[in-house]
Amino acid sequence: MQTQVEQVLDAMRPVIQQDGGDIELVSVSAEGEVQIRFQGACVSCPSRALTLQTLIERNLKEYVPGFTSVVAEDM
């Protein structure tokens, strides 16, 4: 599952980087929980919760079988 999560995050990364931010994969649990860390401009962005739900969580649900949730380490 970790490889699939990394592929999905890599596909989303250019969208996030165009605003000066980035995301780092911290861990993937056996239960399907993904933990990420926001970096760059995302750390102080007021829209990061929206990014987490509408971009990251939605894509992980669609493309990663067994995915259950995503949590940002710094939120």
PDB file of N, CA and C in Angstrom:
ATOM      1  N   MET A   1       0.823  -1.194   0.000  1.00  0.00           N
ATOM      2  CA  MET A   1       0.000   0.000   0.000  1.00  0.00           C
ATOM      3  C   MET A   1       0.869   1.261   0.000  1.00  0.00           C
ATOM      4  N   GLN A   2       2.019   1.207   0.644  1.00  0.00           N
ATOM      5  CA  GLN A   2       2.877   2.392   0.727  1.00  0.00           C
ATOM      6  C   GLN A   2       3.291   2.878  -0.658  1.00  0.00           C
ATOM      7  N   THR A   3       3.617   1.949  -1.544  1.00  0.00           N
ATOM      8  CA  THR A   3       4.018   2.329  -2.899  1.00  0.00           C
ATOM      9  C   THR A   3       2.887   3.039  -3.622  1.00  0.00           C
ATOM     10  N   GLN A   4       1.661   2.543  -3.476  1.00  0.00           N
ATOM     11  CA  GLN A   4       0.510   3.179  -4.119  1.00  0.00           C
ATOM     12  C   GLN A   4       0.275   4.574  -3.553  1.00  0.00           C
ATOM     13  N   VAL A   5       0.401   4.727  -2.245  1.00  0.00           N
ATOM     14  CA  VAL A   5       0.232   6.040  -1.613  1.00  0.00           C
ATOM     15  C   VAL A   5       1.288   7.005  -2.147  1.00  0.00           C
ATOM     16  N   GLU A   6       2.531   6.556  -2.224  1.00  0.00           N
ATOM     17  CA  GLU A   6       3.606   7.404  -2.741  1.00  0.00           C
ATOM     18  C   GLU A   6       3.330   7.836  -4.178  1.00  0.00           C
ATOM     19  N   GLN A   7       2.808   6.932  -4.995  1.00  0.00           N
ATOM     20  CA  GLN A   7       2.502   7.269  -6.388  1.00  0.00           C
ATOM     21  C   GLN A   7       1.405   8.323  -6.470  1.00  0.00           C
ATOM     22  N   VAL A   8       0.375   8.190  -5.642  1.00  0.00           N
ATOM     23  CA  VAL A   8      -0.718   9.167  -5.642  1.00  0.00           C
ATOM     24  C   VAL A   8      -0.204  10.527  -5.167  1.00  0.00           C
ATOM     25  N   LEU A   9       0.578  10.540  -4.100  1.00  0.00           N
ATOM     26  CA  LEU A   9       1.126  11.804  -3.596  1.00  0.00           C
ATOM     27  C   LEU A   9       2.052  12.443  -4.625  1.00  0.00           C
ATOM     28  N   ASP A  10       2.853  11.639  -5.309  1.00  0.00           N
ATOM     29  CA  ASP A  10       3.739  12.167  -6.348  1.00  0.00           C
ATOM     30  C   ASP A  10       2.943  12.797  -7.490  1.00  0.00           C
ATOM     31  N   ALA A  11       1.803  12.217  -7.820  1.00  0.00           N
ATOM     32  CA  ALA A  11       0.962  12.764  -8.888  1.00  0.00           C
ATOM     33  C   ALA A  11       0.343  14.102  -8.485  1.00  0.00           C
ATOM     34  N   MET A  12       0.061  14.284  -7.194  1.00  0.00           N
ATOM     35  CA  MET A  12      -0.539  15.533  -6.705  1.00  0.00           C
ATOM     36  C   MET A  12       0.497  16.611  -6.415  1.00  0.00           C
ATOM     37  N   ARG A  13       1.720  16.201  -6.207  1.00  0.00           N
ATOM     38  CA  ARG A  13       2.784  17.116  -5.775  1.00  0.00           C
ATOM     39  C   ARG A  13       2.923  18.362  -6.654  1.00  0.00           C
ATOM     40  N   PRO A  14       2.896  18.291  -7.991  1.00  0.00           N
ATOM     41  CA  PRO A  14       3.036  19.509  -8.803  1.00  0.00           C
ATOM     42  C   PRO A  14       1.959  20.556  -8.512  1.00  0.00           C
ATOM     43  N   VAL A  15       0.750  20.127  -8.239  1.00  0.00           N
ATOM     44  CA  VAL A  15      -0.332  21.066  -7.922  1.00  0.00           C
ATOM     45  C   VAL A  15      -0.019  21.809  -6.630  1.00  0.00           C
ATOM     46  N   ILE A  16       0.471  21.086  -5.654  1.00  0.00           N
ATOM     47  CA  ILE A  16       0.793  21.677  -4.355  1.00  0.00           C
ATOM     48  C   ILE A  16       2.045  22.546  -4.456  1.00  0.00           C
ATOM     49  N   GLN A  17       3.019  22.112  -5.225  1.00  0.00           N
ATOM     50  CA  GLN A  17       4.269  22.859  -5.359  1.00  0.00           C
ATOM     51  C   GLN A  17       4.100  24.166  -6.120  1.00  0.00           C
ATOM     52  N   GLN A  18       3.099  24.262  -6.983  1.00  0.00           N
ATOM     53  CA  GLN A  18       2.926  25.506  -7.729  1.00  0.00           C
ATOM     54  C   GLN A  18       2.543  26.664  -6.816  1.00  0.00           C
ATOM     55  N   ASP A  19       2.078  26.365  -5.611  1.00  0.00           N
ATOM     56  CA  ASP A  19       1.771  27.403  -4.627  1.00  0.00           C
ATOM     57  C   ASP A  19       2.872  27.527  -3.575  1.00  0.00           C
ATOM     58  N   GLY A  20       4.008  26.881  -3.809  1.00  0.00           N
ATOM     59  CA  GLY A  20       5.141  27.001  -2.905  1.00  0.00           C
ATOM     60  C   GLY A  20       5.151  26.022  -1.747  1.00  0.00           C
ATOM     61  N   GLY A  21       4.290  25.029  -1.794  1.00  0.00           N
ATOM     62  CA  GLY A  21       4.224  24.048  -0.716  1.00  0.00           C
ATOM     63  C   GLY A  21       4.693  22.683  -1.163  1.00  0.00           C
ATOM     64  N   ASP A  22       4.561  21.735  -0.255  1.00  0.00           N
ATOM     65  CA  ASP A  22       4.898  20.350  -0.572  1.00  0.00           C
ATOM     66  C   ASP A  22       4.294  19.457   0.502  1.00  0.00           C
ATOM     67  N   ILE A  23       4.296  18.160   0.236  1.00  0.00           N
ATOM     68  CA  ILE A  23       3.820  17.180   1.211  1.00  0.00           C
ATOM     69  C   ILE A  23       4.846  16.065   1.310  1.00  0.00           C
ATOM     70  N   GLU A  24       4.970  15.539   2.499  1.00  0.00           N
ATOM     71  CA  GLU A  24       5.891  14.433   2.752  1.00  0.00           C
ATOM     72  C   GLU A  24       5.106  13.292   3.372  1.00  0.00           C
ATOM     73  N   LEU A  25       5.319  12.095   2.884  1.00  0.00           N
ATOM     74  CA  LEU A  25       4.698  10.915   3.475  1.00  0.00           C
ATOM     75  C   LEU A  25       5.473  10.544   4.727  1.00  0.00           C
ATOM     76  N   VAL A  26       4.770  10.487   5.862  1.00  0.00           N
ATOM     77  CA  VAL A  26       5.399  10.128   7.132  1.00  0.00           C
ATOM     78  C   VAL A  26       5.257   8.635   7.376  1.00  0.00           C
ATOM     79  N   SER A  27       4.017   8.122   7.224  1.00  0.00           N
ATOM     80  CA  SER A  27       3.806   6.694   7.475  1.00  0.00           C
ATOM     81  C   SER A  27       2.496   6.224   6.861  1.00  0.00           C
ATOM     82  N   VAL A  28       2.410   4.910   6.697  1.00  0.00           N
ATOM     83  CA  VAL A  28       1.181   4.239   6.282  1.00  0.00           C
ATOM     84  C   VAL A  28       1.002   3.073   7.246  1.00  0.00           C
ATOM     85  N   SER A  29      -0.112   3.063   7.974  1.00  0.00           N
ATOM     86  CA  SER A  29      -0.337   1.996   8.950  1.00  0.00           C
ATOM     87  C   SER A  29      -0.946   0.769   8.282  1.00  0.00           C
ATOM     88  N   ALA A  30      -0.888  -0.344   8.971  1.00  0.00           N
ATOM     89  CA  ALA A  30      -1.490  -1.584   8.480  1.00  0.00           C
ATOM     90  C   ALA A  30      -3.001  -1.449   8.350  1.00  0.00           C
ATOM     91  N   GLU A  31      -3.578  -0.521   9.096  1.00  0.00           N
ATOM     92  CA  GLU A  31      -5.027  -0.290   9.057  1.00  0.00           C
ATOM     93  C   GLU A  31      -5.434   0.653   7.930  1.00  0.00           C
ATOM     94  N   GLY A  32      -4.474   1.175   7.168  1.00  0.00           N
ATOM     95  CA  GLY A  32      -4.790   2.043   6.039  1.00  0.00           C
ATOM     96  C   GLY A  32      -4.763   3.521   6.344  1.00  0.00           C
ATOM     97  N   GLU A  33      -4.282   3.911   7.536  1.00  0.00           N
ATOM     98  CA  GLU A  33      -4.182   5.338   7.859  1.00  0.00           C
ATOM     99  C   GLU A  33      -2.870   5.888   7.308  1.00  0.00           C
ATOM    100  N   VAL A  34      -2.984   6.993   6.601  1.00  0.00           N
ATOM    101  CA  VAL A  34      -1.827   7.649   6.006  1.00  0.00           C
ATOM    102  C   VAL A  34      -1.527   8.906   6.812  1.00  0.00           C
ATOM    103  N   GLN A  35      -0.270   9.078   7.183  1.00  0.00           N
ATOM    104  CA  GLN A  35       0.138  10.281   7.902  1.00  0.00           C
ATOM    105  C   GLN A  35       1.083  11.060   7.002  1.00  0.00           C
ATOM    106  N   ILE A  36       0.782  12.353   6.834  1.00  0.00           N
ATOM    107  CA  ILE A  36       1.608  13.216   5.997  1.00  0.00           C
ATOM    108  C   ILE A  36       2.104  14.398   6.818  1.00  0.00           C
ATOM    109  N   ARG A  37       3.045  15.126   6.222  1.00  0.00           N
ATOM    110  CA  ARG A  37       3.542  16.363   6.818  1.00  0.00           C
ATOM    111  C   ARG A  37       3.528  17.422   5.721  1.00  0.00           C
ATOM    112  N   PHE A  38       2.880  18.546   6.002  1.00  0.00           N
ATOM    113  CA  PHE A  38       2.916  19.669   5.069  1.00  0.00           C
ATOM    114  C   PHE A  38       4.259  20.371   5.191  1.00  0.00           C
ATOM    115  N   GLN A  39       4.739  20.919   4.067  1.00  0.00           N
ATOM    116  CA  GLN A  39       6.014  21.627   4.041  1.00  0.00           C
ATOM    117  C   GLN A  39       5.868  22.919   3.257  1.00  0.00           C
ATOM    118  N   GLY A  40       6.847  23.796   3.408  1.00  0.00           N
ATOM    119  CA  GLY A  40       6.868  25.043   2.658  1.00  0.00           C
ATOM    120  C   GLY A  40       5.677  25.921   2.987  1.00  0.00           C
ATOM    121  N   ALA A  41       5.097  26.524   1.958  1.00  0.00           N
ATOM    122  CA  ALA A  41       3.973  27.440   2.146  1.00  0.00           C
ATOM    123  C   ALA A  41       2.755  26.757   2.754  1.00  0.00           C
ATOM    124  N   CYS A  42       2.658  25.444   2.626  1.00  0.00           N
ATOM    125  CA  CYS A  42       1.505  24.714   3.177  1.00  0.00           C
ATOM    126  C   CYS A  42       1.466  24.759   4.706  1.00  0.00           C
ATOM    127  N   VAL A  43       2.613  24.947   5.335  1.00  0.00           N
ATOM    128  CA  VAL A  43       2.671  24.943   6.798  1.00  0.00           C
ATOM    129  C   VAL A  43       1.789  26.037   7.384  1.00  0.00           C
ATOM    130  N   SER A  44       1.778  27.203   6.764  1.00  0.00           N
ATOM    131  CA  SER A  44       0.998  28.319   7.298  1.00  0.00           C
ATOM    132  C   SER A  44      -0.224  28.663   6.450  1.00  0.00           C
ATOM    133  N   CYS A  45      -0.536  27.844   5.483  1.00  0.00           N
ATOM    134  CA  CYS A  45      -1.659  28.123   4.581  1.00  0.00           C
ATOM    135  C   CYS A  45      -2.995  27.896   5.277  1.00  0.00           C
ATOM    136  N   PRO A  46      -3.893  28.867   5.208  1.00  0.00           N
ATOM    137  CA  PRO A  46      -5.207  28.692   5.828  1.00  0.00           C
ATOM    138  C   PRO A  46      -6.085  27.666   5.103  1.00  0.00           C
ATOM    139  N   SER A  47      -5.702  27.276   3.899  1.00  0.00           N
ATOM    140  CA  SER A  47      -6.494  26.314   3.120  1.00  0.00           C
ATOM    141  C   SER A  47      -5.977  24.886   3.225  1.00  0.00           C
ATOM    142  N   ARG A  48      -5.037  24.626   4.100  1.00  0.00           N
ATOM    143  CA  ARG A  48      -4.450  23.283   4.136  1.00  0.00           C
ATOM    144  C   ARG A  48      -5.438  22.208   4.564  1.00  0.00           C
ATOM    145  N   ALA A  49      -6.398  22.532   5.425  1.00  0.00           N
ATOM    146  CA  ALA A  49      -7.418  21.542   5.802  1.00  0.00           C
ATOM    147  C   ALA A  49      -8.270  21.183   4.584  1.00  0.00           C
ATOM    148  N   LEU A  50      -8.581  22.176   3.782  1.00  0.00           N
ATOM    149  CA  LEU A  50      -9.348  21.946   2.557  1.00  0.00           C
ATOM    150  C   LEU A  50      -8.531  21.111   1.568  1.00  0.00           C
ATOM    151  N   THR A  51      -7.251  21.417   1.440  1.00  0.00           N
ATOM    152  CA  THR A  51      -6.361  20.634   0.574  1.00  0.00           C
ATOM    153  C   THR A  51      -6.299  19.188   1.038  1.00  0.00           C
ATOM    154  N   LEU A  52      -6.216  18.997   2.341  1.00  0.00           N
ATOM    155  CA  LEU A  52      -6.144  17.654   2.901  1.00  0.00           C
ATOM    156  C   LEU A  52      -7.385  16.847   2.536  1.00  0.00           C
ATOM    157  N   GLN A  53      -8.557  17.456   2.659  1.00  0.00           N
ATOM    158  CA  GLN A  53      -9.810  16.738   2.402  1.00  0.00           C
ATOM    159  C   GLN A  53     -10.130  16.618   0.922  1.00  0.00           C
ATOM    160  N   THR A  54     -10.098  17.718   0.206  1.00  0.00           N
ATOM    161  CA  THR A  54     -10.594  17.701  -1.172  1.00  0.00           C
ATOM    162  C   THR A  54      -9.587  17.192  -2.191  1.00  0.00           C
ATOM    163  N   LEU A  55      -8.324  17.335  -1.915  1.00  0.00           N
ATOM    164  CA  LEU A  55      -7.325  16.878  -2.882  1.00  0.00           C
ATOM    165  C   LEU A  55      -6.686  15.561  -2.442  1.00  0.00           C
ATOM    166  N   ILE A  56      -6.095  15.566  -1.283  1.00  0.00           N
ATOM    167  CA  ILE A  56      -5.316  14.406  -0.851  1.00  0.00           C
ATOM    168  C   ILE A  56      -6.214  13.231  -0.483  1.00  0.00           C
ATOM    169  N   GLU A  57      -7.153  13.444   0.425  1.00  0.00           N
ATOM    170  CA  GLU A  57      -8.018  12.343   0.867  1.00  0.00           C
ATOM    171  C   GLU A  57      -8.844  11.774  -0.282  1.00  0.00           C
ATOM    172  N   ARG A  58      -9.401  12.629  -1.096  1.00  0.00           N
ATOM    173  CA  ARG A  58     -10.234  12.176  -2.218  1.00  0.00           C
ATOM    174  C   ARG A  58      -9.440  11.292  -3.184  1.00  0.00           C
ATOM    175  N   ASN A  59      -8.222  11.702  -3.515  1.00  0.00           N
ATOM    176  CA  ASN A  59      -7.404  10.910  -4.439  1.00  0.00           C
ATOM    177  C   ASN A  59      -6.939   9.604  -3.820  1.00  0.00           C
ATOM    178  N   LEU A  60      -6.590   9.621  -2.543  1.00  0.00           N
ATOM    179  CA  LEU A  60      -6.185   8.379  -1.890  1.00  0.00           C
ATOM    180  C   LEU A  60      -7.353   7.392  -1.838  1.00  0.00           C
ATOM    181  N   LYS A  61      -8.554   7.877  -1.553  1.00  0.00           N
ATOM    182  CA  LYS A  61      -9.737   7.000  -1.528  1.00  0.00           C
ATOM    183  C   LYS A  61      -9.975   6.372  -2.895  1.00  0.00           C
ATOM    184  N   GLU A  62      -9.781   7.162  -3.929  1.00  0.00           N
ATOM    185  CA  GLU A  62     -10.066   6.681  -5.279  1.00  0.00           C
ATOM    186  C   GLU A  62      -9.024   5.682  -5.796  1.00  0.00           C
ATOM    187  N   TYR A  63      -7.763   5.899  -5.457  1.00  0.00           N
ATOM    188  CA  TYR A  63      -6.699   5.127  -6.093  1.00  0.00           C
ATOM    189  C   TYR A  63      -5.960   4.132  -5.203  1.00  0.00           C
ATOM    190  N   VAL A  64      -6.233   4.121  -3.903  1.00  0.00           N
ATOM    191  CA  VAL A  64      -5.492   3.225  -3.010  1.00  0.00           C
ATOM    192  C   VAL A  64      -6.461   2.293  -2.284  1.00  0.00           C
ATOM    193  N   PRO A  65      -6.575   1.045  -2.725  1.00  0.00           N
ATOM    194  CA  PRO A  65      -7.430   0.082  -2.030  1.00  0.00           C
ATOM    195  C   PRO A  65      -6.943  -0.121  -0.592  1.00  0.00           C
ATOM    196  N   GLY A  66      -7.873  -0.120   0.334  1.00  0.00           N
ATOM    197  CA  GLY A  66      -7.523  -0.314   1.737  1.00  0.00           C
ATOM    198  C   GLY A  66      -7.261   0.969   2.493  1.00  0.00           C
ATOM    199  N   PHE A  67      -7.216   2.098   1.787  1.00  0.00           N
ATOM    200  CA  PHE A  67      -7.020   3.388   2.447  1.00  0.00           C
ATOM    201  C   PHE A  67      -8.218   3.685   3.334  1.00  0.00           C
ATOM    202  N   THR A  68      -7.964   4.173   4.556  1.00  0.00           N
ATOM    203  CA  THR A  68      -9.057   4.504   5.474  1.00  0.00           C
ATOM    204  C   THR A  68      -9.106   5.976   5.841  1.00  0.00           C
ATOM    205  N   SER A  69      -7.951   6.604   6.068  1.00  0.00           N
ATOM    206  CA  SER A  69      -7.952   8.016   6.467  1.00  0.00           C
ATOM    207  C   SER A  69      -6.574   8.623   6.254  1.00  0.00           C
ATOM    208  N   VAL A  70      -6.556   9.955   6.226  1.00  0.00           N
ATOM    209  CA  VAL A  70      -5.294  10.683   6.134  1.00  0.00           C
ATOM    210  C   VAL A  70      -5.260  11.705   7.262  1.00  0.00           C
ATOM    211  N   VAL A  71      -4.097  11.810   7.891  1.00  0.00           N
ATOM    212  CA  VAL A  71      -3.899  12.728   9.003  1.00  0.00           C
ATOM    213  C   VAL A  71      -2.644  13.537   8.715  1.00  0.00           C
ATOM    214  N   ALA A  72      -2.729  14.850   8.921  1.00  0.00           N
ATOM    215  CA  ALA A  72      -1.549  15.694   8.776  1.00  0.00           C
ATOM    216  C   ALA A  72      -0.870  15.815  10.129  1.00  0.00           C
ATOM    217  N   GLU A  73       0.405  15.528  10.163  1.00  0.00           N
ATOM    218  CA  GLU A  73       1.166  15.516  11.406  1.00  0.00           C
ATOM    219  C   GLU A  73       1.142  16.861  12.119  1.00  0.00           C
ATOM    220  N   ASP A  74       1.125  17.935  11.375  1.00  0.00           N
ATOM    221  CA  ASP A  74       1.235  19.263  11.963  1.00  0.00           C
ATOM    222  C   ASP A  74      -0.102  19.991  12.097  1.00  0.00           C
ATOM    223  N   MET A  75      -1.194  19.261  12.103  1.00  0.00           N
ATOM    224  CA  MET A  75      -2.511  19.909  12.241  1.00  0.00           C
ATOM    225  C   MET A  75      -3.170  19.472  13.531  1.00  0.00           C
TER     226      MET A  75
END
